[in-house]
Amino acid sequence: IVSVVLGLVFALLLDRTFFGRGFVRTLLITPFLLVPVSAALLWKHALYNPEYGLFNGALTWFGELFGIESIAQPEWTSEMPL
């Protein structure tokens, strides 16, 4: 209940017109935008990196398992869409 009351008071304060209101609202919304961007960059580099990504490692492992030398081709992983 305390968090609802504090959230309502904070929302009412931000609804008023004051100097720098847009800047304050931007600062409050920024953390919600940073999380998806950082997650996308993490997945991009962890999975799709042609040198040390997960897909390249899995393809190399399967290639060695079945005796195929060049199954892991960096051209494939670098052209995959995010």
PDB file of N, CA and C in Angstrom:
ATOM      1  N   ILE A   1       0.836  -1.187   0.000  1.00  0.00           N
ATOM      2  CA  ILE A   1       0.000   0.000   0.000  1.00  0.00           C
ATOM      3  C   ILE A   1       0.881   1.250   0.000  1.00  0.00           C
ATOM      4  N   VAL A   2       1.995   1.175   0.706  1.00  0.00           N
ATOM      5  CA  VAL A   2       2.890   2.329   0.776  1.00  0.00           C
ATOM      6  C   VAL A   2       3.453   2.656  -0.604  1.00  0.00           C
ATOM      7  N   SER A   3       3.811   1.626  -1.360  1.00  0.00           N
ATOM      8  CA  SER A   3       4.376   1.877  -2.688  1.00  0.00           C
ATOM      9  C   SER A   3       3.336   2.480  -3.633  1.00  0.00           C
ATOM     10  N   VAL A   4       2.081   2.084  -3.499  1.00  0.00           N
ATOM     11  CA  VAL A   4       1.024   2.656  -4.338  1.00  0.00           C
ATOM     12  C   VAL A   4       0.830   4.131  -4.011  1.00  0.00           C
ATOM     13  N   VAL A   5       0.811   4.454  -2.739  1.00  0.00           N
ATOM     14  CA  VAL A   5       0.633   5.849  -2.327  1.00  0.00           C
ATOM     15  C   VAL A   5       1.822   6.693  -2.778  1.00  0.00           C
ATOM     16  N   LEU A   6       3.036   6.198  -2.573  1.00  0.00           N
ATOM     17  CA  LEU A   6       4.220   6.942  -3.011  1.00  0.00           C
ATOM     18  C   LEU A   6       4.255   7.099  -4.530  1.00  0.00           C
ATOM     19  N   GLY A   7       3.877   6.067  -5.252  1.00  0.00           N
ATOM     20  CA  GLY A   7       3.830   6.157  -6.705  1.00  0.00           C
ATOM     21  C   GLY A   7       2.807   7.170  -7.182  1.00  0.00           C
ATOM     22  N   LEU A   8       1.657   7.204  -6.544  1.00  0.00           N
ATOM     23  CA  LEU A   8       0.617   8.171  -6.898  1.00  0.00           C
ATOM     24  C   LEU A   8       1.064   9.598  -6.605  1.00  0.00           C
ATOM     25  N   VAL A   9       1.686   9.811  -5.459  1.00  0.00           N
ATOM     26  CA  VAL A   9       2.188  11.146  -5.116  1.00  0.00           C
ATOM     27  C   VAL A   9       3.266  11.575  -6.102  1.00  0.00           C
ATOM     28  N   PHE A  10       4.159  10.675  -6.430  1.00  0.00           N
ATOM     29  CA  PHE A  10       5.226  10.978  -7.382  1.00  0.00           C
ATOM     30  C   PHE A  10       4.659  11.291  -8.767  1.00  0.00           C
ATOM     31  N   ALA A  11       3.657  10.527  -9.200  1.00  0.00           N
ATOM     32  CA  ALA A  11       3.025  10.779 -10.495  1.00  0.00           C
ATOM     33  C   ALA A  11       2.313  12.125 -10.516  1.00  0.00           C
ATOM     34  N   LEU A  12       1.652  12.473  -9.435  1.00  0.00           N
ATOM     35  CA  LEU A  12       0.979  13.777  -9.370  1.00  0.00           C
ATOM     36  C   LEU A  12       1.983  14.928  -9.380  1.00  0.00           C
ATOM     37  N   LEU A  13       3.115  14.753  -8.730  1.00  0.00           N
ATOM     38  CA  LEU A  13       4.154  15.787  -8.757  1.00  0.00           C
ATOM     39  C   LEU A  13       4.738  15.959 -10.159  1.00  0.00           C
ATOM     40  N   LEU A  14       4.921  14.850 -10.876  1.00  0.00           N
ATOM     41  CA  LEU A  14       5.473  14.934 -12.231  1.00  0.00           C
ATOM     42  C   LEU A  14       4.468  15.460 -13.242  1.00  0.00           C
ATOM     43  N   ASP A  15       3.196  15.402 -12.907  1.00  0.00           N
ATOM     44  CA  ASP A  15       2.172  15.892 -13.823  1.00  0.00           C
ATOM     45  C   ASP A  15       2.090  17.413 -13.819  1.00  0.00           C
ATOM     46  N   ARG A  16       2.581  18.038 -12.785  1.00  0.00           N
ATOM     47  CA  ARG A  16       2.556  19.504 -12.714  1.00  0.00           C
ATOM     48  C   ARG A  16       3.577  20.100 -13.671  1.00  0.00           C
ATOM     49  N   THR A  17       3.315  21.330 -14.084  1.00  0.00           N
ATOM     50  CA  THR A  17       4.227  22.028 -14.982  1.00  0.00           C
ATOM     51  C   THR A  17       5.335  22.691 -14.162  1.00  0.00           C
ATOM     52  N   PHE A  18       6.582  22.366 -14.497  1.00  0.00           N
ATOM     53  CA  PHE A  18       7.730  23.006 -13.859  1.00  0.00           C
ATOM     54  C   PHE A  18       8.889  23.005 -14.842  1.00  0.00           C
ATOM     55  N   PHE A  19       9.885  23.822 -14.564  1.00  0.00           N
ATOM     56  CA  PHE A  19      11.038  23.939 -15.453  1.00  0.00           C
ATOM     57  C   PHE A  19      11.840  22.629 -15.422  1.00  0.00           C
ATOM     58  N   GLY A  20      12.092  22.074 -16.591  1.00  0.00           N
ATOM     59  CA  GLY A  20      12.851  20.834 -16.691  1.00  0.00           C
ATOM     60  C   GLY A  20      12.013  19.585 -16.564  1.00  0.00           C
ATOM     61  N   ARG A  21      10.705  19.710 -16.732  1.00  0.00           N
ATOM     62  CA  ARG A  21       9.817  18.555 -16.587  1.00  0.00           C
ATOM     63  C   ARG A  21      10.123  17.476 -17.623  1.00  0.00           C
ATOM     64  N   GLY A  22      10.395  17.885 -18.860  1.00  0.00           N
ATOM     65  CA  GLY A  22      10.724  16.911 -19.902  1.00  0.00           C
ATOM     66  C   GLY A  22      12.023  16.172 -19.607  1.00  0.00           C
ATOM     67  N   PHE A  23      12.997  16.906 -19.082  1.00  0.00           N
ATOM     68  CA  PHE A  23      14.279  16.287 -18.736  1.00  0.00           C
ATOM     69  C   PHE A  23      14.108  15.274 -17.603  1.00  0.00           C
ATOM     70  N   VAL A  24      13.328  15.627 -16.606  1.00  0.00           N
ATOM     71  CA  VAL A  24      13.092  14.713 -15.477  1.00  0.00           C
ATOM     72  C   VAL A  24      12.344  13.473 -15.951  1.00  0.00           C
ATOM     73  N   ARG A  25      11.373  13.652 -16.816  1.00  0.00           N
ATOM     74  CA  ARG A  25      10.639  12.491 -17.349  1.00  0.00           C
ATOM     75  C   ARG A  25      11.561  11.597 -18.176  1.00  0.00           C
ATOM     76  N   THR A  26      12.452  12.215 -18.945  1.00  0.00           N
ATOM     77  CA  THR A  26      13.412  11.436 -19.727  1.00  0.00           C
ATOM     78  C   THR A  26      14.328  10.634 -18.815  1.00  0.00           C
ATOM     79  N   LEU A  27      14.788  11.243 -17.738  1.00  0.00           N
ATOM     80  CA  LEU A  27      15.639  10.524 -16.786  1.00  0.00           C
ATOM     81  C   LEU A  27      14.903   9.354 -16.136  1.00  0.00           C
ATOM     82  N   LEU A  28      13.613   9.496 -15.929  1.00  0.00           N
ATOM     83  CA  LEU A  28      12.850   8.414 -15.309  1.00  0.00           C
ATOM     84  C   LEU A  28      12.558   7.274 -16.283  1.00  0.00           C
ATOM     85  N   ILE A  29      12.433   7.569 -17.567  1.00  0.00           N
ATOM     86  CA  ILE A  29      12.113   6.546 -18.562  1.00  0.00           C
ATOM     87  C   ILE A  29      13.367   5.834 -19.070  1.00  0.00           C
ATOM     88  N   THR A  30      14.519   6.468 -18.980  1.00  0.00           N
ATOM     89  CA  THR A  30      15.759   5.914 -19.520  1.00  0.00           C
ATOM     90  C   THR A  30      16.086   4.508 -19.008  1.00  0.00           C
ATOM     91  N   PRO A  31      15.957   4.184 -17.735  1.00  0.00           N
ATOM     92  CA  PRO A  31      16.270   2.806 -17.311  1.00  0.00           C
ATOM     93  C   PRO A  31      15.415   1.745 -17.997  1.00  0.00           C
ATOM     94  N   PHE A  32      14.186   2.072 -18.346  1.00  0.00           N
ATOM     95  CA  PHE A  32      13.340   1.104 -19.041  1.00  0.00           C
ATOM     96  C   PHE A  32      13.814   0.860 -20.467  1.00  0.00           C
ATOM     97  N   LEU A  33      14.525   1.808 -21.048  1.00  0.00           N
ATOM     98  CA  LEU A  33      15.044   1.652 -22.400  1.00  0.00           C
ATOM     99  C   LEU A  33      16.409   0.977 -22.413  1.00  0.00           C
ATOM    100  N   LEU A  34      17.172   1.137 -21.365  1.00  0.00           N
ATOM    101  CA  LEU A  34      18.518   0.573 -21.324  1.00  0.00           C
ATOM    102  C   LEU A  34      18.523  -0.944 -21.203  1.00  0.00           C
ATOM    103  N   VAL A  35      17.576  -1.503 -20.516  1.00  0.00           N
ATOM    104  CA  VAL A  35      17.556  -2.950 -20.307  1.00  0.00           C
ATOM    105  C   VAL A  35      17.375  -3.713 -21.623  1.00  0.00           C
ATOM    106  N   PRO A  36      16.399  -3.385 -22.477  1.00  0.00           N
ATOM    107  CA  PRO A  36      16.289  -4.128 -23.741  1.00  0.00           C
ATOM    108  C   PRO A  36      17.482  -3.923 -24.666  1.00  0.00           C
ATOM    109  N   VAL A  37      18.044  -2.737 -24.673  1.00  0.00           N
ATOM    110  CA  VAL A  37      19.197  -2.477 -25.539  1.00  0.00           C
ATOM    111  C   VAL A  37      20.401  -3.283 -25.071  1.00  0.00           C
ATOM    112  N   SER A  38      20.653  -3.292 -23.780  1.00  0.00           N
ATOM    113  CA  SER A  38      21.795  -4.054 -23.276  1.00  0.00           C
ATOM    114  C   SER A  38      21.585  -5.557 -23.460  1.00  0.00           C
ATOM    115  N   ALA A  39      20.367  -6.034 -23.306  1.00  0.00           N
ATOM    116  CA  ALA A  39      20.089  -7.458 -23.530  1.00  0.00           C
ATOM    117  C   ALA A  39      20.291  -7.831 -24.992  1.00  0.00           C
ATOM    118  N   ALA A  40      19.870  -6.963 -25.900  1.00  0.00           N
ATOM    119  CA  ALA A  40      20.059  -7.236 -27.328  1.00  0.00           C
ATOM    120  C   ALA A  40      21.537  -7.272 -27.689  1.00  0.00           C
ATOM    121  N   LEU A  41      22.314  -6.354 -27.147  1.00  0.00           N
ATOM    122  CA  LEU A  41      23.752  -6.359 -27.430  1.00  0.00           C
ATOM    123  C   LEU A  41      24.433  -7.589 -26.839  1.00  0.00           C
ATOM    124  N   LEU A  42      24.003  -8.006 -25.660  1.00  0.00           N
ATOM    125  CA  LEU A  42      24.573  -9.199 -25.053  1.00  0.00           C
ATOM    126  C   LEU A  42      24.280 -10.432 -25.905  1.00  0.00           C
ATOM    127  N   TRP A  43      23.038 -10.588 -26.338  1.00  0.00           N
ATOM    128  CA  TRP A  43      22.687 -11.729 -27.177  1.00  0.00           C
ATOM    129  C   TRP A  43      23.415 -11.673 -28.512  1.00  0.00           C
ATOM    130  N   LYS A  44      23.560 -10.482 -29.052  1.00  0.00           N
ATOM    131  CA  LYS A  44      24.245 -10.340 -30.339  1.00  0.00           C
ATOM    132  C   LYS A  44      25.688 -10.826 -30.241  1.00  0.00           C
ATOM    133  N   HIS A  45      26.376 -10.422 -29.185  1.00  0.00           N
ATOM    134  CA  HIS A  45      27.783 -10.795 -29.065  1.00  0.00           C
ATOM    135  C   HIS A  45      27.970 -12.205 -28.514  1.00  0.00           C
ATOM    136  N   ALA A  46      27.063 -12.671 -27.683  1.00  0.00           N
ATOM    137  CA  ALA A  46      27.211 -14.004 -27.110  1.00  0.00           C
ATOM    138  C   ALA A  46      26.835 -15.104 -28.098  1.00  0.00           C
ATOM    139  N   LEU A  47      25.870 -14.833 -28.956  1.00  0.00           N
ATOM    140  CA  LEU A  47      25.406 -15.871 -29.875  1.00  0.00           C
ATOM    141  C   LEU A  47      25.966 -15.744 -31.280  1.00  0.00           C
ATOM    142  N   TYR A  48      25.951 -14.542 -31.813  1.00  0.00           N
ATOM    143  CA  TYR A  48      26.208 -14.369 -33.231  1.00  0.00           C
ATOM    144  C   TYR A  48      27.617 -13.932 -33.578  1.00  0.00           C
ATOM    145  N   ASN A  49      28.517 -13.826 -32.615  1.00  0.00           N
ATOM    146  CA  ASN A  49      29.874 -13.412 -32.939  1.00  0.00           C
ATOM    147  C   ASN A  49      30.557 -14.520 -33.735  1.00  0.00           C
ATOM    148  N   PRO A  50      31.119 -14.198 -34.902  1.00  0.00           N
ATOM    149  CA  PRO A  50      31.692 -15.242 -35.744  1.00  0.00           C
ATOM    150  C   PRO A  50      32.955 -15.885 -35.175  1.00  0.00           C
ATOM    151  N   GLU A  51      33.609 -15.271 -34.215  1.00  0.00           N
ATOM    152  CA  GLU A  51      34.840 -15.847 -33.681  1.00  0.00           C
ATOM    153  C   GLU A  51      34.604 -16.688 -32.427  1.00  0.00           C
ATOM    154  N   TYR A  52      33.814 -16.194 -31.488  1.00  0.00           N
ATOM    155  CA  TYR A  52      33.646 -16.904 -30.223  1.00  0.00           C
ATOM    156  C   TYR A  52      32.184 -17.064 -29.818  1.00  0.00           C
ATOM    157  N   GLY A  53      31.265 -16.887 -30.740  1.00  0.00           N
ATOM    158  CA  GLY A  53      29.847 -16.989 -30.418  1.00  0.00           C
ATOM    159  C   GLY A  53      29.398 -18.422 -30.186  1.00  0.00           C
ATOM    160  N   LEU A  54      28.239 -18.558 -29.593  1.00  0.00           N
ATOM    161  CA  LEU A  54      27.703 -19.873 -29.259  1.00  0.00           C
ATOM    162  C   LEU A  54      27.397 -20.695 -30.510  1.00  0.00           C
ATOM    163  N   PHE A  55      26.834 -20.059 -31.533  1.00  0.00           N
ATOM    164  CA  PHE A  55      26.522 -20.792 -32.763  1.00  0.00           C
ATOM    165  C   PHE A  55      27.787 -21.309 -33.439  1.00  0.00           C
ATOM    166  N   ASN A  56      28.819 -20.493 -33.481  1.00  0.00           N
ATOM    167  CA  ASN A  56      30.070 -20.920 -34.093  1.00  0.00           C
ATOM    168  C   ASN A  56      30.697 -22.060 -33.293  1.00  0.00           C
ATOM    169  N   GLY A  57      30.631 -21.979 -31.973  1.00  0.00           N
ATOM    170  CA  GLY A  57      31.165 -23.057 -31.145  1.00  0.00           C
ATOM    171  C   GLY A  57      30.399 -24.357 -31.332  1.00  0.00           C
ATOM    172  N   ALA A  58      29.076 -24.265 -31.415  1.00  0.00           N
ATOM    173  CA  ALA A  58      28.262 -25.469 -31.611  1.00  0.00           C
ATOM    174  C   ALA A  58      28.516 -26.087 -32.982  1.00  0.00           C
ATOM    175  N   LEU A  59      28.623 -25.256 -34.010  1.00  0.00           N
ATOM    176  CA  LEU A  59      28.902 -25.783 -35.345  1.00  0.00           C
ATOM    177  C   LEU A  59      30.284 -26.420 -35.412  1.00  0.00           C
ATOM    178  N   THR A  60      31.258 -25.827 -34.759  1.00  0.00           N
ATOM    179  CA  THR A  60      32.603 -26.411 -34.726  1.00  0.00           C
ATOM    180  C   THR A  60      32.579 -27.750 -33.999  1.00  0.00           C
ATOM    181  N   TRP A  61      31.863 -27.827 -32.878  1.00  0.00           N
ATOM    182  CA  TRP A  61      31.784 -29.068 -32.122  1.00  0.00           C
ATOM    183  C   TRP A  61      31.105 -30.171 -32.936  1.00  0.00           C
ATOM    184  N   PHE A  62      29.978 -29.841 -33.589  1.00  0.00           N
ATOM    185  CA  PHE A  62      29.300 -30.835 -34.425  1.00  0.00           C
ATOM    186  C   PHE A  62      30.165 -31.248 -35.608  1.00  0.00           C
ATOM    187  N   GLY A  63      30.889 -30.312 -36.165  1.00  0.00           N
ATOM    188  CA  GLY A  63      31.783 -30.641 -37.273  1.00  0.00           C
ATOM    189  C   GLY A  63      32.878 -31.596 -36.851  1.00  0.00           C
ATOM    190  N   GLU A  64      33.458 -31.371 -35.677  1.00  0.00           N
ATOM    191  CA  GLU A  64      34.496 -32.272 -35.175  1.00  0.00           C
ATOM    192  C   GLU A  64      33.905 -33.628 -34.799  1.00  0.00           C
ATOM    193  N   LEU A  65      32.677 -33.626 -34.314  1.00  0.00           N
ATOM    194  CA  LEU A  65      32.023 -34.868 -33.913  1.00  0.00           C
ATOM    195  C   LEU A  65      31.775 -35.779 -35.113  1.00  0.00           C
ATOM    196  N   PHE A  66      31.357 -35.190 -36.232  1.00  0.00           N
ATOM    197  CA  PHE A  66      31.037 -35.977 -37.422  1.00  0.00           C
ATOM    198  C   PHE A  66      32.152 -35.975 -38.455  1.00  0.00           C
ATOM    199  N   GLY A  67      33.286 -35.390 -38.145  1.00  0.00           N
ATOM    200  CA  GLY A  67      34.431 -35.429 -39.045  1.00  0.00           C
ATOM    201  C   GLY A  67      34.362 -34.442 -40.194  1.00  0.00           C
ATOM    202  N   ILE A  68      33.589 -33.382 -40.067  1.00  0.00           N
ATOM    203  CA  ILE A  68      33.505 -32.357 -41.104  1.00  0.00           C
ATOM    204  C   ILE A  68      34.376 -31.191 -40.657  1.00  0.00           C
ATOM    205  N   GLU A  69      35.278 -30.751 -41.518  1.00  0.00           N
ATOM    206  CA  GLU A  69      36.232 -29.728 -41.096  1.00  0.00           C
ATOM    207  C   GLU A  69      35.646 -28.329 -41.034  1.00  0.00           C
ATOM    208  N   SER A  70      34.967 -27.899 -42.064  1.00  0.00           N
ATOM    209  CA  SER A  70      34.595 -26.480 -42.153  1.00  0.00           C
ATOM    210  C   SER A  70      33.086 -26.265 -42.036  1.00  0.00           C
ATOM    211  N   ILE A  71      32.466 -26.874 -41.035  1.00  0.00           N
ATOM    212  CA  ILE A  71      31.030 -26.654 -40.868  1.00  0.00           C
ATOM    213  C   ILE A  71      30.752 -25.288 -40.247  1.00  0.00           C
ATOM    214  N   ALA A  72      31.667 -24.794 -39.421  1.00  0.00           N
ATOM    215  CA  ALA A  72      31.490 -23.479 -38.793  1.00  0.00           C
ATOM    216  C   ALA A  72      32.083 -22.417 -39.703  1.00  0.00           C
ATOM    217  N   GLN A  73      31.214 -21.737 -40.409  1.00  0.00           N
ATOM    218  CA  GLN A  73      31.664 -20.682 -41.314  1.00  0.00           C
ATOM    219  C   GLN A  73      31.243 -19.340 -40.746  1.00  0.00           C
ATOM    220  N   PRO A  74      32.200 -18.456 -40.457  1.00  0.00           N
ATOM    221  CA  PRO A  74      31.856 -17.150 -39.877  1.00  0.00           C
ATOM    222  C   PRO A  74      30.939 -16.310 -40.759  1.00  0.00           C
ATOM    223  N   GLU A  75      30.925 -16.555 -42.053  1.00  0.00           N
ATOM    224  CA  GLU A  75      30.050 -15.788 -42.938  1.00  0.00           C
ATOM    225  C   GLU A  75      28.579 -16.029 -42.605  1.00  0.00           C
ATOM    226  N   TRP A  76      28.246 -17.238 -42.172  1.00  0.00           N
ATOM    227  CA  TRP A  76      26.861 -17.543 -41.835  1.00  0.00           C
ATOM    228  C   TRP A  76      26.410 -16.773 -40.609  1.00  0.00           C
ATOM    229  N   THR A  77      27.204 -16.805 -39.567  1.00  0.00           N
ATOM    230  CA  THR A  77      26.781 -16.171 -38.323  1.00  0.00           C
ATOM    231  C   THR A  77      26.858 -14.658 -38.388  1.00  0.00           C
ATOM    232  N   SER A  78      27.756 -14.112 -39.183  1.00  0.00           N
ATOM    233  CA  SER A  78      27.858 -12.653 -39.241  1.00  0.00           C
ATOM    234  C   SER A  78      26.737 -12.044 -40.076  1.00  0.00           C
ATOM    235  N   GLU A  79      26.081 -12.827 -40.917  1.00  0.00           N
ATOM    236  CA  GLU A  79      24.995 -12.311 -41.743  1.00  0.00           C
ATOM    237  C   GLU A  79      23.619 -12.620 -41.167  1.00  0.00           C
ATOM    238  N   MET A  80      23.559 -13.312 -40.042  1.00  0.00           N
ATOM    239  CA  MET A  80      22.267 -13.648 -39.443  1.00  0.00           C
ATOM    240  C   MET A  80      21.645 -12.402 -38.831  1.00  0.00           C
ATOM    241  N   PRO A  81      20.353 -12.200 -39.020  1.00  0.00           N
ATOM    242  CA  PRO A  81      19.710 -11.026 -38.402  1.00  0.00           C
ATOM    243  C   PRO A  81      19.567 -11.216 -36.903  1.00  0.00           C
ATOM    244  N   LEU A  82      19.543 -10.100 -36.203  1.00  0.00           N
ATOM    245  CA  LEU A  82      19.410 -10.161 -34.744  1.00  0.00           C
ATOM    246  C   LEU A  82      17.966 -10.373 -34.384  1.00  0.00           C
TER     247      LEU A  82
END
